[in-house]
PDB file of N, CA and C in Angstrom:
ATOM      1  N   UNK A   1     -20.227  25.620  13.381  1.00  0.00           N
ATOM      2  CA  UNK A   1     -19.158  25.985  12.462  1.00  0.00           C
ATOM      3  C   UNK A   1     -19.279  25.151  11.187  1.00  0.00           C
ATOM      4  N   UNK A   2     -19.410  25.798  10.052  1.00  0.00           N
ATOM      5  CA  UNK A   2     -19.547  25.099   8.784  1.00  0.00           C
ATOM      6  C   UNK A   2     -18.259  24.336   8.475  1.00  0.00           C
ATOM      7  N   UNK A   3     -18.417  23.061   8.126  1.00  0.00           N
ATOM      8  CA  UNK A   3     -17.262  22.239   7.788  1.00  0.00           C
ATOM      9  C   UNK A   3     -16.537  21.655   8.983  1.00  0.00           C
ATOM     10  N   UNK A   4     -16.863  22.115  10.185  1.00  0.00           N
ATOM     11  CA  UNK A   4     -16.213  21.595  11.378  1.00  0.00           C
ATOM     12  C   UNK A   4     -16.981  20.420  11.961  1.00  0.00           C
ATOM     13  N   UNK A   5     -16.476  19.933  13.078  1.00  0.00           N
ATOM     14  CA  UNK A   5     -17.142  18.825  13.762  1.00  0.00           C
ATOM     15  C   UNK A   5     -18.309  19.344  14.586  1.00  0.00           C
ATOM     16  N   UNK A   6     -19.325  18.498  14.729  1.00  0.00           N
ATOM     17  CA  UNK A   6     -20.478  18.817  15.568  1.00  0.00           C
ATOM     18  C   UNK A   6     -20.050  18.790  17.038  1.00  0.00           C
ATOM     19  N   UNK A   7     -20.956  19.211  17.899  1.00  0.00           N
ATOM     20  CA  UNK A   7     -20.737  19.071  19.338  1.00  0.00           C
ATOM     21  C   UNK A   7     -20.739  17.589  19.692  1.00  0.00           C
ATOM     22  N   UNK A   8     -20.006  17.212  20.746  1.00  0.00           N
ATOM     23  CA  UNK A   8     -19.993  15.819  21.200  1.00  0.00           C
ATOM     24  C   UNK A   8     -21.379  15.429  21.686  1.00  0.00           C
ATOM     25  N   UNK A   9     -21.791  14.211  21.324  1.00  0.00           N
ATOM     26  CA  UNK A   9     -23.099  13.683  21.700  1.00  0.00           C
ATOM     27  C   UNK A   9     -22.915  12.276  22.269  1.00  0.00           C
ATOM     28  N   UNK A  10     -23.834  11.820  23.114  1.00  0.00           N
ATOM     29  CA  UNK A  10     -23.752  10.433  23.592  1.00  0.00           C
ATOM     30  C   UNK A  10     -23.856   9.454  22.425  1.00  0.00           C
ATOM     31  N   UNK A  11     -23.118   8.380  22.516  1.00  0.00           N
ATOM     32  CA  UNK A  11     -23.124   7.367  21.446  1.00  0.00           C
ATOM     33  C   UNK A  11     -24.502   6.734  21.315  1.00  0.00           C
ATOM     34  N   UNK A  12     -24.847   6.391  20.091  1.00  0.00           N
ATOM     35  CA  UNK A  12     -26.123   5.761  19.764  1.00  0.00           C
ATOM     36  C   UNK A  12     -25.849   4.320  19.313  1.00  0.00           C
ATOM     37  N   UNK A  13     -26.884   3.506  19.182  1.00  0.00           N
ATOM     38  CA  UNK A  13     -26.667   2.155  18.645  1.00  0.00           C
ATOM     39  C   UNK A  13     -26.012   2.165  17.258  1.00  0.00           C
ATOM     40  N   UNK A  14     -26.316   3.156  16.433  1.00  0.00           N
ATOM     41  CA  UNK A  14     -25.695   3.265  15.104  1.00  0.00           C
ATOM     42  C   UNK A  14     -24.184   3.511  15.225  1.00  0.00           C
ATOM     43  N   UNK A  15     -23.790   4.353  16.174  1.00  0.00           N
ATOM     44  CA  UNK A  15     -22.362   4.623  16.394  1.00  0.00           C
ATOM     45  C   UNK A  15     -21.676   3.362  16.903  1.00  0.00           C
ATOM     46  N   UNK A  16     -22.332   2.617  17.791  1.00  0.00           N
ATOM     47  CA  UNK A  16     -21.754   1.367  18.280  1.00  0.00           C
ATOM     48  C   UNK A  16     -21.577   0.377  17.136  1.00  0.00           C
ATOM     49  N   UNK A  17     -22.520   0.341  16.187  1.00  0.00           N
ATOM     50  CA  UNK A  17     -22.396  -0.546  15.030  1.00  0.00           C
ATOM     51  C   UNK A  17     -21.150  -0.184  14.210  1.00  0.00           C
ATOM     52  N   UNK A  18     -20.912   1.109  14.015  1.00  0.00           N
ATOM     53  CA  UNK A  18     -19.727   1.560  13.277  1.00  0.00           C
ATOM     54  C   UNK A  18     -18.460   1.139  14.024  1.00  0.00           C
ATOM     55  N   UNK A  19     -18.450   1.345  15.341  1.00  0.00           N
ATOM     56  CA  UNK A  19     -17.296   0.969  16.165  1.00  0.00           C
ATOM     57  C   UNK A  19     -17.054  -0.537  16.082  1.00  0.00           C
ATOM     58  N   UNK A  20     -18.124  -1.326  16.134  1.00  0.00           N
ATOM     59  CA  UNK A  20     -17.982  -2.781  16.028  1.00  0.00           C
ATOM     60  C   UNK A  20     -17.357  -3.168  14.686  1.00  0.00           C
ATOM     61  N   UNK A  21     -17.722  -2.451  13.620  1.00  0.00           N
ATOM     62  CA  UNK A  21     -17.188  -2.763  12.296  1.00  0.00           C
ATOM     63  C   UNK A  21     -15.703  -2.420  12.164  1.00  0.00           C
ATOM     64  N   UNK A  22     -15.241  -1.371  12.845  1.00  0.00           N
ATOM     65  CA  UNK A  22     -13.822  -0.989  12.719  1.00  0.00           C
ATOM     66  C   UNK A  22     -12.939  -1.604  13.806  1.00  0.00           C
ATOM     67  N   UNK A  23     -13.547  -2.325  14.757  1.00  0.00           N
ATOM     68  CA  UNK A  23     -12.755  -2.935  15.835  1.00  0.00           C
ATOM     69  C   UNK A  23     -11.615  -3.805  15.295  1.00  0.00           C
ATOM     70  N   UNK A  24     -11.840  -4.688  14.307  1.00  0.00           N
ATOM     71  CA  UNK A  24     -10.716  -5.486  13.791  1.00  0.00           C
ATOM     72  C   UNK A  24      -9.603  -4.618  13.185  1.00  0.00           C
ATOM     73  N   UNK A  25      -9.970  -3.520  12.541  1.00  0.00           N
ATOM     74  CA  UNK A  25      -8.962  -2.614  11.984  1.00  0.00           C
ATOM     75  C   UNK A  25      -8.131  -2.005  13.106  1.00  0.00           C
ATOM     76  N   UNK A  26      -8.803  -1.576  14.190  1.00  0.00           N
ATOM     77  CA  UNK A  26      -8.088  -0.997  15.332  1.00  0.00           C
ATOM     78  C   UNK A  26      -7.156  -2.022  15.961  1.00  0.00           C
ATOM     79  N   UNK A  27      -7.679  -3.219  16.232  1.00  0.00           N
ATOM     80  CA  UNK A  27      -6.872  -4.246  16.890  1.00  0.00           C
ATOM     81  C   UNK A  27      -5.650  -4.598  16.055  1.00  0.00           C
ATOM     82  N   UNK A  28      -5.797  -4.643  14.746  1.00  0.00           N
ATOM     83  CA  UNK A  28      -4.678  -4.941  13.863  1.00  0.00           C
ATOM     84  C   UNK A  28      -3.651  -3.813  13.884  1.00  0.00           C
ATOM     85  N   UNK A  29      -4.109  -2.574  13.739  1.00  0.00           N
ATOM     86  CA  UNK A  29      -3.184  -1.436  13.693  1.00  0.00           C
ATOM     87  C   UNK A  29      -2.535  -1.155  15.039  1.00  0.00           C
ATOM     88  N   UNK A  30      -3.266  -1.351  16.129  1.00  0.00           N
ATOM     89  CA  UNK A  30      -2.731  -1.091  17.472  1.00  0.00           C
ATOM     90  C   UNK A  30      -1.996  -2.305  18.034  1.00  0.00           C
ATOM     91  N   UNK A  31      -2.102  -3.435  17.344  1.00  0.00           N
ATOM     92  CA  UNK A  31      -1.463  -4.685  17.771  1.00  0.00           C
ATOM     93  C   UNK A  31      -1.888  -5.075  19.186  1.00  0.00           C
ATOM     94  N   UNK A  32      -3.204  -5.074  19.407  1.00  0.00           N
ATOM     95  CA  UNK A  32      -3.754  -5.476  20.705  1.00  0.00           C
ATOM     96  C   UNK A  32      -5.167  -5.981  20.521  1.00  0.00           C
ATOM     97  N   UNK A  33      -5.608  -6.808  21.458  1.00  0.00           N
ATOM     98  CA  UNK A  33      -6.984  -7.305  21.476  1.00  0.00           C
ATOM     99  C   UNK A  33      -7.735  -6.561  22.580  1.00  0.00           C
ATOM    100  N   UNK A  34      -8.995  -6.282  22.336  1.00  0.00           N
ATOM    101  CA  UNK A  34      -9.814  -5.543  23.295  1.00  0.00           C
ATOM    102  C   UNK A  34     -11.049  -6.359  23.649  1.00  0.00           C
ATOM    103  N   UNK A  35     -11.178  -6.696  24.934  1.00  0.00           N
ATOM    104  CA  UNK A  35     -12.383  -7.383  25.394  1.00  0.00           C
ATOM    105  C   UNK A  35     -13.552  -6.404  25.461  1.00  0.00           C
ATOM    106  N   UNK A  36     -13.242  -5.156  25.834  1.00  0.00           N
ATOM    107  CA  UNK A  36     -14.245  -4.097  25.906  1.00  0.00           C
ATOM    108  C   UNK A  36     -13.995  -3.170  24.714  1.00  0.00           C
ATOM    109  N   UNK A  37     -15.043  -2.780  24.013  1.00  0.00           N
ATOM    110  CA  UNK A  37     -14.913  -1.840  22.896  1.00  0.00           C
ATOM    111  C   UNK A  37     -16.254  -1.131  22.761  1.00  0.00           C
ATOM    112  N   UNK A  38     -16.505  -0.175  23.695  1.00  0.00           N
ATOM    113  CA  UNK A  38     -17.819   0.444  23.829  1.00  0.00           C
ATOM    114  C   UNK A  38     -17.745   1.934  23.515  1.00  0.00           C
ATOM    115  N   UNK A  39     -18.484   2.340  22.491  1.00  0.00           N
ATOM    116  CA  UNK A  39     -18.570   3.755  22.136  1.00  0.00           C
ATOM    117  C   UNK A  39     -19.289   4.515  23.245  1.00  0.00           C
ATOM    118  N   UNK A  40     -18.737   5.675  23.640  1.00  0.00           N
ATOM    119  CA  UNK A  40     -19.381   6.469  24.685  1.00  0.00           C
ATOM    120  C   UNK A  40     -19.873   7.819  24.183  1.00  0.00           C
ATOM    121  N   UNK A  41     -19.130   8.442  23.256  1.00  0.00           N
ATOM    122  CA  UNK A  41     -19.593   9.692  22.669  1.00  0.00           C
ATOM    123  C   UNK A  41     -18.953   9.879  21.299  1.00  0.00           C
ATOM    124  N   UNK A  42     -19.510  10.808  20.545  1.00  0.00           N
ATOM    125  CA  UNK A  42     -19.006  11.005  19.180  1.00  0.00           C
ATOM    126  C   UNK A  42     -19.290  12.401  18.669  1.00  0.00           C
ATOM    127  N   UNK A  43     -18.571  12.757  17.611  1.00  0.00           N
ATOM    128  CA  UNK A  43     -18.801  13.977  16.848  1.00  0.00           C
ATOM    129  C   UNK A  43     -18.822  13.580  15.379  1.00  0.00           C
ATOM    130  N   UNK A  44     -19.499  14.374  14.569  1.00  0.00           N
ATOM    131  CA  UNK A  44     -19.524  14.107  13.130  1.00  0.00           C
ATOM    132  C   UNK A  44     -19.083  15.332  12.351  1.00  0.00           C
ATOM    133  N   UNK A  45     -18.573  15.071  11.156  1.00  0.00           N
ATOM    134  CA  UNK A  45     -18.222  16.113  10.199  1.00  0.00           C
ATOM    135  C   UNK A  45     -18.666  15.614   8.834  1.00  0.00           C
ATOM    136  N   UNK A  46     -19.537  16.370   8.184  1.00  0.00           N
ATOM    137  CA  UNK A  46     -20.014  15.973   6.867  1.00  0.00           C
ATOM    138  C   UNK A  46     -19.029  16.449   5.816  1.00  0.00           C
ATOM    139  N   UNK A  47     -18.540  15.501   5.019  1.00  0.00           N
ATOM    140  CA  UNK A  47     -17.639  15.769   3.903  1.00  0.00           C
ATOM    141  C   UNK A  47     -18.255  15.023   2.718  1.00  0.00           C
ATOM    142  N   UNK A  48     -17.476  14.450   1.834  1.00  0.00           N
ATOM    143  CA  UNK A  48     -18.027  13.583   0.786  1.00  0.00           C
ATOM    144  C   UNK A  48     -18.223  12.216   1.436  1.00  0.00           C
ATOM    145  N   UNK A  49     -19.129  12.172   2.376  1.00  0.00           N
ATOM    146  CA  UNK A  49     -19.335  11.062   3.296  1.00  0.00           C
ATOM    147  C   UNK A  49     -19.386  11.682   4.683  1.00  0.00           C
ATOM    148  N   UNK A  50     -19.027  10.923   5.702  1.00  0.00           N
ATOM    149  CA  UNK A  50     -19.035  11.449   7.068  1.00  0.00           C
ATOM    150  C   UNK A  50     -17.784  11.013   7.808  1.00  0.00           C
ATOM    151  N   UNK A  51     -17.118  11.977   8.453  1.00  0.00           N
ATOM    152  CA  UNK A  51     -16.040  11.667   9.384  1.00  0.00           C
ATOM    153  C   UNK A  51     -16.654  11.585  10.778  1.00  0.00           C
ATOM    154  N   UNK A  52     -16.263  10.581  11.521  1.00  0.00           N
ATOM    155  CA  UNK A  52     -16.685  10.429  12.909  1.00  0.00           C
ATOM    156  C   UNK A  52     -15.461  10.477  13.800  1.00  0.00           C
ATOM    157  N   UNK A  53     -15.547  11.206  14.891  1.00  0.00           N
ATOM    158  CA  UNK A  53     -14.549  11.155  15.947  1.00  0.00           C
ATOM    159  C   UNK A  53     -15.287  10.503  17.120  1.00  0.00           C
ATOM    160  N   UNK A  54     -14.829   9.325  17.546  1.00  0.00           N
ATOM    161  CA  UNK A  54     -15.592   8.524  18.505  1.00  0.00           C
ATOM    162  C   UNK A  54     -14.703   8.158  19.698  1.00  0.00           C
ATOM    163  N   UNK A  55     -15.220   8.408  20.892  1.00  0.00           N
ATOM    164  CA  UNK A  55     -14.526   7.983  22.112  1.00  0.00           C
ATOM    165  C   UNK A  55     -14.997   6.571  22.442  1.00  0.00           C
ATOM    166  N   UNK A  56     -14.035   5.661  22.628  1.00  0.00           N
ATOM    167  CA  UNK A  56     -14.351   4.255  22.852  1.00  0.00           C
ATOM    168  C   UNK A  56     -13.656   3.776  24.125  1.00  0.00           C
ATOM    169  N   UNK A  57     -14.434   3.138  24.996  1.00  0.00           N
ATOM    170  CA  UNK A  57     -13.880   2.554  26.210  1.00  0.00           C
ATOM    171  C   UNK A  57     -13.284   1.194  25.866  1.00  0.00           C
ATOM    172  N   UNK A  58     -11.991   0.987  26.233  1.00  0.00           N
ATOM    173  CA  UNK A  58     -11.319  -0.280  25.931  1.00  0.00           C
ATOM    174  C   UNK A  58     -10.915  -1.049  27.184  1.00  0.00           C
ATOM    175  N   UNK A  59     -11.064  -0.440  28.360  1.00  0.00           N
ATOM    176  CA  UNK A  59     -10.828  -1.133  29.640  1.00  0.00           C
ATOM    177  C   UNK A  59     -11.557  -0.336  30.717  1.00  0.00           C
ATOM    178  N   UNK A  60     -11.395  -0.756  31.972  1.00  0.00           N
ATOM    179  CA  UNK A  60     -12.071  -0.043  33.063  1.00  0.00           C
ATOM    180  C   UNK A  60     -11.700   1.435  33.093  1.00  0.00           C
ATOM    181  N   UNK A  61     -10.433   1.754  32.772  1.00  0.00           N
ATOM    182  CA  UNK A  61      -9.964   3.135  32.886  1.00  0.00           C
ATOM    183  C   UNK A  61      -9.415   3.723  31.597  1.00  0.00           C
ATOM    184  N   UNK A  62      -9.209   2.909  30.563  1.00  0.00           N
ATOM    185  CA  UNK A  62      -8.600   3.422  29.339  1.00  0.00           C
ATOM    186  C   UNK A  62      -9.618   3.599  28.218  1.00  0.00           C
ATOM    187  N   UNK A  63      -9.429   4.682  27.505  1.00  0.00           N
ATOM    188  CA  UNK A  63     -10.253   5.012  26.352  1.00  0.00           C
ATOM    189  C   UNK A  63      -9.346   5.290  25.162  1.00  0.00           C
ATOM    190  N   UNK A  64      -9.900   5.157  23.975  1.00  0.00           N
ATOM    191  CA  UNK A  64      -9.200   5.547  22.757  1.00  0.00           C
ATOM    192  C   UNK A  64     -10.130   6.466  21.970  1.00  0.00           C
ATOM    193  N   UNK A  65      -9.537   7.315  21.148  1.00  0.00           N
ATOM    194  CA  UNK A  65     -10.305   8.164  20.250  1.00  0.00           C
ATOM    195  C   UNK A  65     -10.067   7.654  18.838  1.00  0.00           C
ATOM    196  N   UNK A  66     -11.147   7.349  18.129  1.00  0.00           N
ATOM    197  CA  UNK A  66     -11.056   6.838  16.770  1.00  0.00           C
ATOM    198  C   UNK A  66     -11.549   7.899  15.792  1.00  0.00           C
ATOM    199  N   UNK A  67     -10.854   8.027  14.663  1.00  0.00           N
ATOM    200  CA  UNK A  67     -11.372   8.821  13.549  1.00  0.00           C
ATOM    201  C   UNK A  67     -11.753   7.816  12.479  1.00  0.00           C
ATOM    202  N   UNK A  68     -13.031   7.821  12.136  1.00  0.00           N
ATOM    203  CA  UNK A  68     -13.589   6.841  11.202  1.00  0.00           C
ATOM    204  C   UNK A  68     -14.243   7.594  10.043  1.00  0.00           C
ATOM    205  N   UNK A  69     -14.021   7.103   8.830  1.00  0.00           N
ATOM    206  CA  UNK A  69     -14.665   7.679   7.649  1.00  0.00           C
ATOM    207  C   UNK A  69     -15.694   6.703   7.116  1.00  0.00           C
ATOM    208  N   UNK A  70     -16.907   7.210   6.895  1.00  0.00           N
ATOM    209  CA  UNK A  70     -17.975   6.427   6.278  1.00  0.00           C
ATOM    210  C   UNK A  70     -18.318   7.092   4.952  1.00  0.00           C
ATOM    211  N   UNK A  71     -18.082   6.369   3.854  1.00  0.00           N
ATOM    212  CA  UNK A  71     -18.357   6.932   2.531  1.00  0.00           C
ATOM    213  C   UNK A  71     -19.862   7.051   2.304  1.00  0.00           C
ATOM    214  N   UNK A  72     -20.214   7.705   1.213  1.00  0.00           N
ATOM    215  CA  UNK A  72     -21.622   7.877   0.868  1.00  0.00           C
ATOM    216  C   UNK A  72     -22.267   6.524   0.589  1.00  0.00           C
ATOM    217  N   UNK A  73     -23.562   6.381   0.894  1.00  0.00           N
ATOM    218  CA  UNK A  73     -24.233   5.078   0.758  1.00  0.00           C
ATOM    219  C   UNK A  73     -24.109   4.430  -0.631  1.00  0.00           C
ATOM    220  N   UNK A  74     -24.163   5.230  -1.690  1.00  0.00           N
ATOM    221  CA  UNK A  74     -24.108   4.632  -3.026  1.00  0.00           C
ATOM    222  C   UNK A  74     -22.752   3.991  -3.339  1.00  0.00           C
ATOM    223  N   UNK A  75     -21.705   4.364  -2.584  1.00  0.00           N
ATOM    224  CA  UNK A  75     -20.384   3.764  -2.791  1.00  0.00           C
ATOM    225  C   UNK A  75     -20.308   2.359  -2.206  1.00  0.00           C
ATOM    226  N   UNK A  76     -21.276   2.025  -1.346  1.00  0.00           N
ATOM    227  CA  UNK A  76     -21.424   0.670  -0.823  1.00  0.00           C
ATOM    228  C   UNK A  76     -20.151   0.133  -0.163  1.00  0.00           C
ATOM    229  N   UNK A  77     -19.522   0.947   0.685  1.00  0.00           N
ATOM    230  CA  UNK A  77     -18.325   0.538   1.412  1.00  0.00           C
ATOM    231  C   UNK A  77     -18.573   0.718   2.903  1.00  0.00           C
ATOM    232  N   UNK A  78     -17.974  -0.156   3.688  1.00  0.00           N
ATOM    233  CA  UNK A  78     -18.110  -0.048   5.132  1.00  0.00           C
ATOM    234  C   UNK A  78     -17.245   1.071   5.680  1.00  0.00           C
ATOM    235  N   UNK A  79     -17.368   1.343   6.970  1.00  0.00           N
ATOM    236  CA  UNK A  79     -16.551   2.377   7.586  1.00  0.00           C
ATOM    237  C   UNK A  79     -15.073   1.970   7.619  1.00  0.00           C
ATOM    238  N   UNK A  80     -14.191   2.961   7.537  1.00  0.00           N
ATOM    239  CA  UNK A  80     -12.762   2.673   7.611  1.00  0.00           C
ATOM    240  C   UNK A  80     -12.112   3.517   8.694  1.00  0.00           C
ATOM    241  N   UNK A  81     -11.219   2.881   9.441  1.00  0.00           N
ATOM    242  CA  UNK A  81     -10.488   3.551  10.509  1.00  0.00           C
ATOM    243  C   UNK A  81      -9.398   4.404   9.874  1.00  0.00           C
ATOM    244  N   UNK A  82      -9.452   5.708  10.101  1.00  0.00           N
ATOM    245  CA  UNK A  82      -8.484   6.642   9.525  1.00  0.00           C
ATOM    246  C   UNK A  82      -7.288   6.800  10.457  1.00  0.00           C
ATOM    247  N   UNK A  83      -7.567   7.003  11.754  1.00  0.00           N
ATOM    248  CA  UNK A  83      -6.501   7.176  12.740  1.00  0.00           C
ATOM    249  C   UNK A  83      -7.080   6.924  14.129  1.00  0.00           C
ATOM    250  N   UNK A  84      -6.183   6.846  15.108  1.00  0.00           N
ATOM    251  CA  UNK A  84      -6.632   6.667  16.488  1.00  0.00           C
ATOM    252  C   UNK A  84      -5.608   7.235  17.446  1.00  0.00           C
ATOM    253  N   UNK A  85      -6.074   7.562  18.654  1.00  0.00           N
ATOM    254  CA  UNK A  85      -5.222   8.029  19.745  1.00  0.00           C
ATOM    255  C   UNK A  85      -5.490   7.136  20.945  1.00  0.00           C
ATOM    256  N   UNK A  86      -4.436   6.592  21.538  1.00  0.00           N
ATOM    257  CA  UNK A  86      -4.583   5.720  22.701  1.00  0.00           C
ATOM    258  C   UNK A  86      -4.219   6.490  23.971  1.00  0.00           C
ATOM    259  N   UNK A  87      -4.420   5.843  25.121  1.00  0.00           N
ATOM    260  CA  UNK A  87      -4.043   6.436  26.396  1.00  0.00           C
ATOM    261  C   UNK A  87      -4.946   7.562  26.851  1.00  0.00           C
ATOM    262  N   UNK A  88      -6.168   7.570  26.390  1.00  0.00           N
ATOM    263  CA  UNK A  88      -7.125   8.605  26.776  1.00  0.00           C
ATOM    264  C   UNK A  88      -7.894   8.162  28.014  1.00  0.00           C
ATOM    265  N   UNK A  89      -8.525   9.137  28.681  1.00  0.00           N
ATOM    266  CA  UNK A  89      -9.366   8.835  29.837  1.00  0.00           C
ATOM    267  C   UNK A  89     -10.806   9.216  29.520  1.00  0.00           C
ATOM    268  N   UNK A  90     -11.697   8.838  30.412  1.00  0.00           N
ATOM    269  CA  UNK A  90     -13.113   9.150  30.230  1.00  0.00           C
ATOM    270  C   UNK A  90     -13.340  10.653  30.121  1.00  0.00           C
ATOM    271  N   UNK A  91     -12.526  11.438  30.797  1.00  0.00           N
ATOM    272  CA  UNK A  91     -12.726  12.902  30.847  1.00  0.00           C
ATOM    273  C   UNK A  91     -12.014  13.658  29.741  1.00  0.00           C
ATOM    274  N   UNK A  92     -11.166  13.000  28.960  1.00  0.00           N
ATOM    275  CA  UNK A  92     -10.467  13.702  27.881  1.00  0.00           C
ATOM    276  C   UNK A  92     -11.478  14.118  26.806  1.00  0.00           C
ATOM    277  N   UNK A  93     -11.436  15.394  26.379  1.00  0.00           N
ATOM    278  CA  UNK A  93     -12.349  15.815  25.325  1.00  0.00           C
ATOM    279  C   UNK A  93     -11.962  15.202  23.975  1.00  0.00           C
ATOM    280  N   UNK A  94     -12.941  14.970  23.146  1.00  0.00           N
ATOM    281  CA  UNK A  94     -12.665  14.484  21.787  1.00  0.00           C
ATOM    282  C   UNK A  94     -11.943  15.576  21.021  1.00  0.00           C
ATOM    283  N   UNK A  95     -10.833  15.207  20.389  1.00  0.00           N
ATOM    284  CA  UNK A  95     -10.085  16.184  19.582  1.00  0.00           C
ATOM    285  C   UNK A  95      -9.701  15.571  18.272  1.00  0.00           C
TER     286      UNK A  95
END
């Protein structure tokens, strides 16, 4: 689908790097600390940059879904956390 999100794919080291960069933003906005913060799968949407929807494991049984925006390389900015959903499970589809 043009303009929509890609199919969910297993997380890559690059996706984990993005998740590591936005972890402090998540912890601040969610008002919690996470010992575990492991990307498991993701989707992308190309806009004027890239939107990522990423499923992240934060405990043995809890997951969160992060929406992250990465601007175009020439803008020289790191990824930014746009929104998140808590209380997800491993089996919840990315939405």
